[in-house]
Amino acid sequence: MVASARERFCLPFEAATEGTPHHHGRRGHLGTRPGARLTAAADPDARAARGLHEYYVGAENWTEAAAELDLRVLRNERVEIAHGGGAIDLAGVNDITGAQYAHPPDYERTLAGRDQSRPVVLMAHQPVAVHDAAPYGVDLQLSGHTHGGQMFPFDYLVGLQQPVVSGFGEVDGTPVYVTNGAGFWGPPVRVGADPDITLLTLRSTA
């Protein structure tokens, strides 16, 4: 996912799957995921948030491997991004699954006490995180996880769990954008849920 302008790569989805969390090697390693490689090549200041698969392969080792690709993982933290005389806060929380590994999402630490004059864009892997993020005045949440439903009956089941499955939605007064991503879960099949790498253009309303 790319947020522009200036172009900024944001990855609120899994960049790792099965296998050793190292950036060399077979499919499933960090470096063979297209998003990870393209991001590192195009934007040395790229940002990511952990998804659940990063915990499955070893979140800390994965984070170290990401750093070798100049991909900074925001772990319950935010950074200021300035451009053209304006600024926003880009924040990232750990995935909900992190609670099982002593690394839960911490919305208070990530979003509280910030400069309210700056908009904040939050990367949260699962769209359902918006219920916890909305009270902090998030201006836009970027998520993945759903694969756009991928195929029937996954699309129906995902819709029961997540408030937004694909594209834009609004939950608890907070805009949420969910990318279909470029991969898959389980069978390597997509029906009615095309893979995508999304380009978002953020403009000031002031």
Protein backbone atom coordinates (compact mmCIF):
# COMPACT_ATOMS: atom_id res chain seq x y z
CA MET A 1 0.00 0.00 0.00
CA VAL A 2 1.31 3.43 -0.91
CA ALA A 3 0.12 6.66 0.73
CA SER A 4 0.98 9.75 -1.36
CA ALA A 5 2.10 12.53 -1.64
CA ARG A 6 5.11 12.41 -1.16
CA GLU A 7 5.00 8.67 -1.82
CA ARG A 8 5.21 6.64 1.36
CA PHE A 9 4.98 2.88 1.53
CA CYS A 10 2.80 1.54 4.35
CA LEU A 11 2.38 -2.18 4.96
CA PRO A 12 -0.43 -3.02 7.41
CA PHE A 13 -0.43 -6.66 6.27
CA GLU A 14 1.68 -9.80 6.54
CA ALA A 15 5.06 -9.54 4.84
CA ALA A 16 6.04 -13.00 6.12
CA THR A 17 4.48 -16.43 5.88
CA GLU A 18 5.78 -19.86 6.83
CA GLY A 19 9.49 -20.52 7.11
CA THR A 20 12.51 -18.96 8.75
CA PRO A 21 12.09 -15.18 9.17
CA HIS A 22 15.14 -14.29 7.13
CA HIS A 23 15.29 -12.17 4.02
CA HIS A 24 17.09 -14.77 1.88
CA GLY A 25 15.78 -18.14 0.79
CA ARG A 26 12.67 -19.93 -0.36
CA ARG A 27 9.09 -18.76 -0.67
CA GLY A 28 7.68 -17.73 2.67
CA HIS A 29 10.73 -15.76 3.73
CA LEU A 30 10.47 -12.02 4.06
CA GLY A 31 12.55 -11.12 1.01
CA THR A 32 10.47 -13.20 -1.40
CA ARG A 33 7.27 -11.34 -0.61
CA PRO A 34 6.81 -8.77 -3.40
CA GLY A 35 5.63 -6.02 -1.07
CA ALA A 36 8.72 -6.28 1.12
CA ARG A 37 11.19 -6.19 -1.76
CA LEU A 38 9.47 -3.42 -3.72
CA THR A 39 9.06 -1.32 -0.61
CA ALA A 40 12.71 -1.52 0.36
CA ALA A 41 13.81 -0.64 -3.15
CA ALA A 42 11.44 2.31 -3.59
CA ASP A 43 11.31 3.98 -0.19
CA PRO A 44 14.08 3.79 2.42
CA ASP A 45 11.67 5.34 4.93
CA ALA A 46 8.94 2.70 4.45
CA ARG A 47 6.85 1.74 7.46
CA ALA A 48 5.03 -1.45 8.41
CA ALA A 49 2.86 -2.83 11.20
CA ARG A 50 2.95 -6.42 12.36
CA GLY A 51 0.35 -8.87 11.10
CA LEU A 52 -0.49 -12.19 12.69
CA HIS A 53 1.83 -14.26 10.48
CA GLU A 54 4.83 -12.32 11.74
CA TYR A 55 4.10 -13.84 15.14
CA TYR A 56 3.78 -17.30 13.66
CA VAL A 57 7.32 -17.16 12.23
CA GLY A 58 8.87 -15.24 15.14
CA ALA A 59 8.04 -11.58 15.43
CA GLU A 60 11.34 -10.31 16.83
CA ASN A 61 13.47 -12.14 14.27
CA TRP A 62 11.13 -10.97 11.53
CA THR A 63 11.47 -7.37 12.71
CA GLU A 64 15.26 -7.65 12.59
CA ALA A 65 15.08 -9.08 9.06
CA ALA A 66 12.77 -6.23 8.04
CA ALA A 67 15.30 -3.71 9.34
CA GLU A 68 17.93 -5.24 7.05
CA LEU A 69 15.61 -4.27 4.17
CA ASP A 70 15.27 -0.72 5.56
CA LEU A 71 11.67 -1.47 6.49
CA ARG A 72 10.84 0.08 9.85
CA VAL A 73 8.16 -1.74 11.82
CA LEU A 74 6.02 0.51 14.01
CA ARG A 75 5.35 -1.44 17.19
CA ASN A 76 2.76 0.48 19.15
CA GLU A 77 4.36 3.77 18.15
CA ARG A 78 3.97 6.70 15.78
CA VAL A 79 6.24 8.93 13.72
CA GLU A 80 5.74 12.41 12.32
CA ILE A 81 5.91 12.75 8.54
CA ALA A 82 6.40 16.28 7.24
CA HIS A 83 5.96 17.35 3.63
CA GLY A 84 5.25 20.62 1.85
CA GLY A 85 4.83 22.63 5.02
CA GLY A 86 2.35 20.18 6.55
CA ALA A 87 2.65 17.09 8.71
CA ILE A 88 0.77 13.98 9.72
CA ASP A 89 1.35 11.28 12.30
CA LEU A 90 1.76 7.75 10.96
CA ALA A 91 1.08 5.17 13.65
CA GLY A 92 1.24 1.40 13.82
CA VAL A 93 -0.08 -1.05 16.41
CA ASN A 94 0.81 -4.68 16.95
CA ASP A 95 -1.71 -7.16 15.62
CA ILE A 96 -4.37 -8.48 17.98
CA THR A 97 -2.65 -11.88 17.78
CA GLY A 98 0.34 -10.30 19.55
CA ALA A 99 -1.56 -10.58 22.84
CA GLN A 100 -0.84 -14.32 22.75
CA TYR A 101 2.89 -13.56 22.58
CA ALA A 102 3.07 -10.84 25.25
CA HIS A 103 3.00 -8.13 22.54
CA PRO A 104 -0.60 -6.85 22.49
CA PRO A 105 -1.69 -3.76 20.61
CA ASP A 106 -1.41 -0.69 22.84
CA TYR A 107 -3.64 2.10 21.56
CA GLU A 108 -3.02 4.36 24.54
CA ARG A 109 0.74 4.32 24.04
CA THR A 110 0.41 4.67 20.27
CA LEU A 111 -2.22 7.38 19.98
CA ALA A 112 -2.62 9.27 23.25
CA GLY A 113 -0.93 12.59 23.97
CA ARG A 114 -0.26 13.46 20.35
CA ASP A 115 -0.56 16.89 18.71
CA GLN A 116 -4.24 17.08 17.80
CA SER A 117 -3.53 19.64 15.07
CA ARG A 118 -1.95 16.86 12.98
CA PRO A 119 -4.05 14.16 11.32
CA VAL A 120 -3.15 10.61 12.28
CA VAL A 121 -3.13 7.60 9.95
CA LEU A 122 -3.09 4.27 11.76
CA MET A 123 -1.78 0.98 10.39
CA ALA A 124 -3.60 -1.90 12.08
CA HIS A 125 -3.45 -5.28 10.40
CA GLN A 126 -7.01 -6.37 11.18
CA PRO A 127 -9.90 -4.01 10.35
CA VAL A 128 -11.66 -4.96 13.60
CA ALA A 129 -8.99 -2.97 15.47
CA VAL A 130 -10.94 0.17 14.57
CA HIS A 131 -13.30 -0.40 17.49
CA ASP A 132 -10.39 0.19 19.88
CA ALA A 133 -8.73 2.89 17.78
CA ALA A 134 -11.76 5.09 17.07
CA PRO A 135 -11.97 6.65 20.56
CA TYR A 136 -8.52 8.18 19.97
CA GLY A 137 -9.70 10.26 17.02
CA VAL A 138 -7.97 8.31 14.23
CA ASP A 139 -8.44 10.09 10.90
CA LEU A 140 -7.83 7.01 8.73
CA GLN A 141 -7.09 3.37 9.48
CA LEU A 142 -5.22 1.25 6.94
CA SER A 143 -5.68 -2.51 7.23
CA GLY A 144 -5.23 -5.81 5.42
CA HIS A 145 -5.80 -9.36 6.72
CA THR A 146 -9.02 -10.15 4.85
CA HIS A 147 -7.61 -10.82 1.35
CA GLY A 148 -10.81 -9.17 0.19
CA GLY A 149 -12.67 -12.32 1.20
CA GLN A 150 -10.55 -14.32 -1.30
CA MET A 151 -13.34 -16.75 -2.31
CA PHE A 152 -16.63 -18.24 -1.15
CA PRO A 153 -17.29 -19.16 1.64
CA PHE A 154 -14.29 -17.30 3.09
CA ASP A 155 -15.82 -13.96 2.08
CA TYR A 156 -18.95 -14.67 4.09
CA LEU A 157 -17.04 -15.84 7.15
CA VAL A 158 -14.61 -12.90 7.05
CA GLY A 159 -17.58 -10.53 6.92
CA LEU A 160 -18.85 -11.99 10.18
CA GLN A 161 -15.55 -11.22 11.90
CA GLN A 162 -14.36 -7.97 10.30
CA PRO A 163 -16.39 -4.74 9.94
CA VAL A 164 -14.85 -3.96 6.51
CA VAL A 165 -13.74 -6.72 4.12
CA SER A 166 -12.45 -4.73 1.13
CA GLY A 167 -12.03 -1.08 0.17
CA PHE A 168 -13.40 1.89 2.09
CA GLY A 169 -15.82 1.78 4.98
CA GLU A 170 -16.62 3.80 8.08
CA VAL A 171 -16.78 2.24 11.53
CA ASP A 172 -17.57 4.13 14.72
CA GLY A 173 -17.08 7.36 12.79
CA THR A 174 -13.59 6.37 11.60
CA PRO A 175 -12.73 5.86 7.91
CA VAL A 176 -11.15 2.47 7.27
CA TYR A 177 -9.45 1.29 4.08
CA VAL A 178 -8.78 -2.43 3.65
CA THR A 179 -6.46 -3.61 0.90
CA ASN A 180 -7.01 -7.02 -0.71
CA GLY A 181 -3.25 -7.49 -0.68
CA ALA A 182 -1.28 -9.56 -3.18
CA GLY A 183 -1.25 -12.98 -1.55
CA PHE A 184 -3.64 -15.63 -0.35
CA TRP A 185 -4.45 -17.83 2.62
CA GLY A 186 -4.81 -21.58 2.18
CA PRO A 187 -5.60 -22.54 -1.40
CA PRO A 188 -3.83 -20.34 -4.00
CA VAL A 189 -7.15 -19.18 -5.44
CA ARG A 190 -9.02 -15.87 -5.56
CA VAL A 191 -12.58 -15.52 -6.82
CA GLY A 192 -14.11 -12.03 -6.95
CA ALA A 193 -11.30 -10.58 -4.85
CA ASP A 194 -8.55 -9.41 -7.17
CA PRO A 195 -5.09 -8.89 -5.63
CA ASP A 196 -4.03 -5.28 -5.36
CA ILE A 197 -1.36 -2.86 -4.22
CA THR A 198 -3.28 0.28 -3.36
CA LEU A 199 -2.25 3.86 -4.08
CA LEU A 200 -3.87 6.36 -1.71
CA THR A 201 -3.51 10.10 -2.17
CA LEU A 202 -3.88 12.13 1.02
CA ARG A 203 -4.88 15.77 0.60
CA SER A 204 -5.39 18.48 3.17
CA THR A 205 -8.90 19.88 3.60
CA ALA A 206 -7.59 23.07 5.21
